[in-house]
Protein backbone atom coordinates (compact mmCIF):
# COMPACT_ATOMS: atom_id res chain seq x y z
CA MET A 1 -27.09 13.71 4.05
CA PRO A 2 -28.33 17.37 4.47
CA THR A 3 -27.69 20.04 1.95
CA LEU A 4 -24.91 22.33 3.44
CA GLN A 5 -27.31 25.54 3.28
CA ILE A 6 -25.19 29.31 3.67
CA ASP A 7 -27.33 32.33 4.61
CA ASP A 8 -26.64 35.39 2.11
CA GLU A 9 -27.27 37.52 5.04
CA PRO A 10 -23.81 37.61 7.77
CA MET A 11 -24.75 35.81 11.17
CA GLY A 12 -23.46 35.02 14.60
CA ARG A 13 -19.64 35.21 13.94
CA GLN A 14 -19.19 37.33 10.84
CA ASP A 15 -20.63 39.97 13.27
CA ALA A 16 -17.72 39.29 15.44
CA GLY A 17 -14.81 39.64 13.05
CA TRP A 18 -15.53 36.19 11.48
CA PRO A 19 -14.76 36.49 7.27
CA PHE A 20 -17.37 33.93 6.70
CA PRO A 21 -21.01 33.23 6.57
CA THR A 22 -22.14 30.74 9.18
CA PRO A 23 -24.10 28.10 8.61
CA HIS A 24 -27.88 26.69 10.04
CA PHE A 25 -25.71 24.14 11.29
CA PHE A 26 -22.96 22.67 12.83
CA VAL A 27 -20.73 21.10 10.24
CA ASN A 28 -17.67 18.80 10.98
CA PRO A 29 -14.68 20.63 9.88
CA ARG A 30 -13.06 17.76 7.73
CA GLU A 31 -16.69 16.77 5.68
CA ALA A 32 -16.15 20.61 4.86
CA ALA A 33 -13.14 19.68 3.35
CA ALA A 34 -13.55 17.11 1.62
CA HIS A 35 -16.80 18.35 0.28
CA TRP A 36 -15.23 21.36 -0.91
CA ILE A 37 -12.27 19.25 -2.29
CA ILE A 38 -14.44 16.95 -4.36
CA SER A 39 -17.02 20.23 -5.79
CA HIS A 40 -13.45 21.67 -6.91
CA GLN A 41 -11.36 18.54 -8.05
CA GLY A 42 -11.85 19.64 -11.69
CA GLY A 43 -10.63 23.30 -10.93
CA LEU A 44 -8.03 21.92 -9.35
CA SER A 45 -6.75 19.83 -12.12
CA ILE A 46 -6.65 21.84 -14.12
CA LEU A 47 -4.70 24.40 -12.26
CA LEU A 48 -2.18 22.07 -11.31
CA ARG A 49 -1.97 20.98 -15.12
CA GLU A 50 -1.77 24.84 -16.46
CA PHE A 51 0.54 25.41 -13.63
CA ALA A 52 3.00 22.40 -14.78
CA MET A 53 2.42 23.55 -18.52
CA SER A 54 3.82 27.22 -17.48
CA ILE A 55 7.10 25.74 -16.08
CA ASP A 56 9.69 25.77 -19.32
CA TRP A 57 10.70 22.21 -18.07
CA ASN A 58 14.74 21.14 -19.67
CA TRP A 59 15.32 17.87 -18.44
CA GLY A 60 18.71 17.87 -21.41
CA ILE A 61 20.23 20.58 -18.72
CA PHE A 62 21.85 17.47 -16.95
CA LEU A 63 23.70 16.03 -19.91
CA GLN A 64 25.24 19.59 -20.88
CA PRO A 65 28.47 20.10 -19.89
CA ALA A 66 28.83 21.55 -15.92
CA PRO A 67 31.24 25.08 -16.36
CA PHE A 68 33.88 22.98 -13.91
CA GLY A 69 35.10 19.42 -13.16
CA ASN A 70 35.12 18.01 -16.68
CA THR A 71 31.79 16.31 -15.80
CA THR A 72 28.02 17.36 -17.06
CA TYR A 73 25.38 18.71 -14.49
CA PHE A 74 24.15 15.01 -14.35
CA GLY A 75 28.05 14.20 -12.93
CA TRP A 76 27.38 16.66 -10.16
CA ILE A 77 24.04 15.15 -8.80
CA TRP A 78 25.25 12.06 -9.01
CA SER A 79 28.51 13.20 -6.70
CA GLY A 80 26.44 14.49 -4.21
CA PHE A 81 23.89 11.60 -4.27
CA GLN A 82 27.07 9.53 -3.40
CA VAL A 83 28.43 11.86 -0.85
CA THR A 84 24.20 12.13 0.89
CA VAL A 85 24.76 8.43 0.95
CA ALA A 86 28.22 7.98 2.66
CA LEU A 87 27.25 10.58 5.17
CA SER A 88 23.92 8.53 6.25
CA LEU A 89 25.55 4.84 6.36
CA CYS A 90 28.48 6.64 8.21
CA ALA A 91 26.91 8.29 10.82
CA TRP A 92 24.18 6.06 11.28
CA VAL A 93 26.85 2.88 12.46
CA ILE A 94 27.73 5.96 14.74
CA ALA A 95 24.04 6.43 15.99
CA PHE A 96 23.47 2.63 16.31
CA PHE A 97 26.22 1.92 18.38
CA VAL A 98 26.38 5.17 20.54
CA GLY A 99 23.25 4.79 20.77
CA SER A 100 22.13 1.60 21.97
CA LEU A 101 25.50 1.83 24.59
CA PHE A 102 23.47 5.27 26.18
CA GLY A 103 20.12 3.20 25.48
CA ILE A 104 21.68 0.80 27.65
CA LEU A 105 22.64 2.48 30.80
CA ARG A 106 19.26 4.68 30.80
CA THR A 107 18.06 1.11 32.04
CA VAL A 108 20.42 -0.45 34.85
CA PRO A 109 19.91 -0.60 37.97
CA ASN A 110 22.51 2.21 38.62
CA ARG A 111 21.56 5.76 38.96
CA ILE A 112 25.23 7.03 38.29
CA LEU A 113 25.07 5.62 34.42
CA SER A 114 21.28 6.34 34.44
CA THR A 115 22.22 9.72 34.84
CA ILE A 116 24.77 9.96 31.97
CA GLY A 117 22.41 8.59 29.74
CA ALA A 118 19.61 10.96 29.84
CA THR A 119 22.29 13.45 30.24
CA TYR A 120 23.33 12.68 27.45
CA VAL A 121 19.77 12.72 25.67
CA GLU A 122 19.34 15.81 26.88
CA LEU A 123 22.06 17.86 25.64
CA PHE A 124 21.67 16.13 22.02
CA ARG A 125 18.06 16.20 21.71
CA ASN A 126 17.29 19.90 22.76
CA VAL A 127 19.83 21.58 20.52
CA PRO A 128 19.01 22.56 17.02
CA LEU A 129 20.71 20.88 14.48
CA ILE A 130 21.72 22.90 12.66
CA VAL A 131 23.67 24.90 15.30
CA GLN A 132 25.20 21.37 16.58
CA PHE A 133 26.69 21.10 12.66
CA PHE A 134 28.00 24.60 13.48
CA THR A 135 29.79 23.16 16.73
CA TRP A 136 31.45 20.22 15.41
CA TYR A 137 32.61 22.61 12.92
CA LEU A 138 33.71 25.81 14.35
CA VAL A 139 34.19 25.22 18.00
CA VAL A 140 35.04 21.25 18.73
CA PRO A 141 38.59 21.51 16.37
CA GLU A 142 39.11 24.55 19.07
CA LEU A 143 38.98 22.45 21.81
CA LEU A 144 41.11 19.74 20.66
CA PRO A 145 44.78 19.58 22.04
CA ALA A 146 46.98 21.74 20.04
CA ASN A 147 48.42 19.04 17.75
CA LEU A 148 45.28 17.67 16.58
CA GLY A 149 43.80 20.88 16.35
CA MET A 150 46.41 22.29 13.92
CA TRP A 151 46.00 18.73 11.81
CA PHE A 152 42.62 19.01 11.38
CA LYS A 153 42.36 22.52 10.18
CA SER A 154 45.39 22.86 8.54
CA GLU A 155 46.16 19.85 7.39
CA LEU A 156 43.20 18.12 5.98
CA ASP A 157 41.53 18.57 3.38
CA PRO A 158 38.35 21.05 3.36
CA ASN A 159 35.89 18.54 1.75
CA ILE A 160 37.42 15.92 4.55
CA GLN A 161 36.65 18.48 7.04
CA PHE A 162 33.20 18.75 6.24
CA PHE A 163 32.31 15.20 5.71
CA LEU A 164 33.75 14.50 9.53
CA SER A 165 32.42 17.16 11.40
CA SER A 166 28.94 16.65 9.57
CA MET A 167 29.62 12.44 10.20
CA MET A 168 29.89 13.24 13.78
CA CYS A 169 27.18 15.66 14.46
CA LEU A 170 24.18 13.39 12.52
CA GLY A 171 26.07 10.12 13.73
CA LEU A 172 25.54 11.85 17.39
CA PHE A 173 22.38 13.98 17.47
CA THR A 174 20.73 10.71 16.04
CA ALA A 175 22.05 8.31 18.33
CA ALA A 176 20.05 10.57 21.21
CA ARG A 177 16.52 9.60 19.64
CA VAL A 178 18.24 6.02 19.17
CA CYS A 179 18.73 6.16 22.95
CA GLU A 180 15.09 6.58 23.71
CA GLN A 181 13.54 3.83 20.84
CA VAL A 182 16.88 1.42 22.59
CA ARG A 183 15.39 2.21 26.11
CA ALA A 184 11.47 1.83 25.12
CA GLY A 185 12.41 -1.48 23.78
CA ILE A 186 13.98 -2.85 26.95
CA GLN A 187 11.57 -1.07 29.23
CA SER A 188 8.63 -2.74 27.50
CA LEU A 189 9.62 -6.62 27.42
CA PRO A 190 8.37 -8.44 30.66
CA ARG A 191 10.66 -8.26 33.96
CA GLY A 192 10.45 -12.45 33.60
CA GLN A 193 12.84 -12.35 31.39
CA LYS A 194 15.34 -10.83 32.61
CA ALA A 195 14.79 -12.50 36.12
CA ALA A 196 15.28 -15.32 33.81
CA GLY A 197 18.58 -14.94 32.45
CA LEU A 198 20.15 -13.86 35.62
CA ALA A 199 18.28 -17.20 37.34
CA MET A 200 20.32 -18.79 34.74
CA GLY A 201 23.49 -18.21 35.80
CA LEU A 202 24.33 -15.46 33.50
CA THR A 203 25.52 -11.93 34.31
CA LEU A 204 23.74 -8.78 33.84
CA PRO A 205 25.89 -8.04 30.41
CA GLN A 206 25.40 -11.17 29.21
CA THR A 207 21.41 -11.13 29.87
CA TYR A 208 21.16 -7.69 27.99
CA ARG A 209 23.57 -9.07 25.01
CA TYR A 210 21.89 -13.02 24.78
CA VAL A 211 17.90 -12.22 26.21
CA LEU A 212 17.09 -8.45 26.48
CA LEU A 213 18.67 -6.55 23.56
CA PRO A 214 17.98 -9.24 20.62
CA ASN A 215 14.28 -9.33 21.82
CA ALA A 216 14.08 -5.31 22.26
CA TYR A 217 15.67 -4.77 18.87
CA ARG A 218 12.55 -7.34 17.37
CA VAL A 219 10.06 -4.67 18.98
CA ILE A 220 11.89 -1.68 17.42
CA ILE A 221 12.44 -2.26 13.74
CA PRO A 222 9.76 0.17 13.03
CA PRO A 223 10.41 3.20 14.68
CA MET A 224 14.36 2.07 14.09
CA THR A 225 13.33 2.85 10.57
CA SER A 226 11.94 6.15 11.13
CA GLU A 227 15.19 7.31 12.28
CA MET A 228 16.95 6.13 9.68
CA LEU A 229 14.60 7.65 7.46
CA ASN A 230 15.02 11.07 9.39
CA LEU A 231 18.84 10.83 9.37
CA VAL A 232 18.96 10.93 5.39
CA LYS A 233 16.74 13.95 5.37
CA ASN A 234 18.93 15.70 8.18
CA SER A 235 21.73 15.47 6.30
CA ALA A 236 20.96 17.97 4.03
CA ILE A 237 21.96 20.68 6.96
CA ALA A 238 25.38 19.42 6.33
CA SER A 239 25.29 21.43 3.08
CA THR A 240 25.09 24.80 4.90
CA ILE A 241 28.92 24.00 6.53
CA GLY A 242 30.43 23.20 3.37
CA LEU A 243 30.14 19.60 2.75
CA VAL A 244 28.83 19.13 -1.32
CA ASP A 245 26.05 16.74 -1.20
CA MET A 246 23.00 16.21 -3.01
CA ALA A 247 21.43 19.44 -1.94
CA ALA A 248 24.40 21.42 -2.27
CA GLN A 249 25.24 20.25 -5.19
CA ALA A 250 21.33 21.28 -6.67
CA GLY A 251 22.23 24.77 -5.08
CA LYS A 252 25.39 24.96 -7.29
CA LEU A 253 23.22 23.44 -10.49
CA LEU A 254 20.35 26.82 -9.22
CA ASP A 255 22.92 28.94 -10.10
CA TYR A 256 24.90 28.29 -13.00
CA SER A 257 22.25 27.35 -15.24
CA ALA A 258 18.66 28.69 -13.35
CA HIS A 259 16.60 25.50 -13.71
CA ALA A 260 15.82 25.93 -10.30
CA TYR A 261 12.73 23.37 -10.71
CA GLU A 262 14.44 20.75 -12.35
CA SER A 263 17.86 20.82 -9.79
CA PHE A 264 15.10 20.82 -7.20
CA THR A 265 12.83 17.92 -8.84
CA ALA A 266 15.88 16.22 -9.03
CA ILE A 267 17.29 15.44 -5.97
CA THR A 268 13.81 15.29 -4.56
CA LEU A 269 13.62 11.79 -6.81
CA GLY A 270 17.17 11.15 -5.06
CA TYR A 271 16.19 11.55 -1.68
CA VAL A 272 13.08 9.58 -2.28
CA LEU A 273 15.06 6.77 -3.80
CA ILE A 274 17.40 6.22 -0.78
CA ASN A 275 14.56 6.50 1.84
CA ALA A 276 12.64 3.71 -0.52
CA VAL A 277 15.48 1.53 -0.09
CA ILE A 278 15.86 2.05 3.16
CA MET A 279 11.71 1.22 4.01
CA LEU A 280 12.50 -2.15 1.24
CA LEU A 281 16.09 -3.68 3.52
CA MET A 282 14.12 -2.84 6.64
CA ARG A 283 10.83 -4.43 5.75
CA LEU A 284 13.31 -7.73 4.74
CA VAL A 285 15.13 -7.54 8.31
CA GLU A 286 11.69 -7.70 10.03
CA LYS A 287 10.89 -10.37 7.84
CA LYS A 288 14.01 -12.04 8.83
CA VAL A 289 14.11 -11.05 12.39
CA GLN A 290 10.67 -11.66 13.64
CA LEU A 291 9.26 -15.08 15.55
CA PRO A 292 5.65 -16.04 14.57
CA GLY A 293 3.51 -15.72 18.04
CA ASN A 294 6.35 -13.93 19.55
CA LEU A 295 8.10 -10.28 19.60
CA GLY A 296 8.29 -8.66 17.00
CA SER A 297 5.33 -10.55 14.71
CA LYS A 298 2.13 -9.76 13.04
């Protein structure tokens, strides 16, 4: 392997404002990056070790009593963890069924139904998620019938308001992404499967239920797993409208204890734990439903 040699004198691109000397020959950027990392890994490890040692870690903060709530700081994080899990589960149920419905509509031989499905996807997929959160919490209640809107805004506990708004927002936003996964899964199947179902005397809904959807779901398990992981991560945005989830509890812990590293390290581990469980369960599901030598098998 040739040795990377750099001229001491500026040349080439340096004259045009390029701040670094130009090598005698072209160097692949990946090889150059790898060379730099290997040659400096000792310094990097020392730098990281010094940074970690310079932080005044205090994990005992989680066992100290919180200023209010008759619990500890760990109790705050645990409470937020439960809210995050509940929100993610409820939102995924909405996303799965609504997304499957609109995914089917996008593949039926009916232009009106297909347009409805496409409109739903474009509406929810192209608006920033944080805007949708505030729309569901501030605008949608005003559009409800007067009695229902007043009940939602005045009689419901604020925490329930935050949860319901977040659940609907996150569920319908993710449904638009699930819709595209279901559509792609159905369209990836051989056309003969649909024709065979209809030839056997099944109606179109029965063909979808008994032939197309079971095979399509086997194909899209990996991308659906990714959507579930994204949903869990997106749930942290719910704290912006007031939901006291894991991200919000970390902010409270930081405000009252001034331990930023411990707070956000704890919730990082919480999100990693949730997503690790999801990945493990979905791998088990994938192995359970795969058909040897057929769709969804390896």
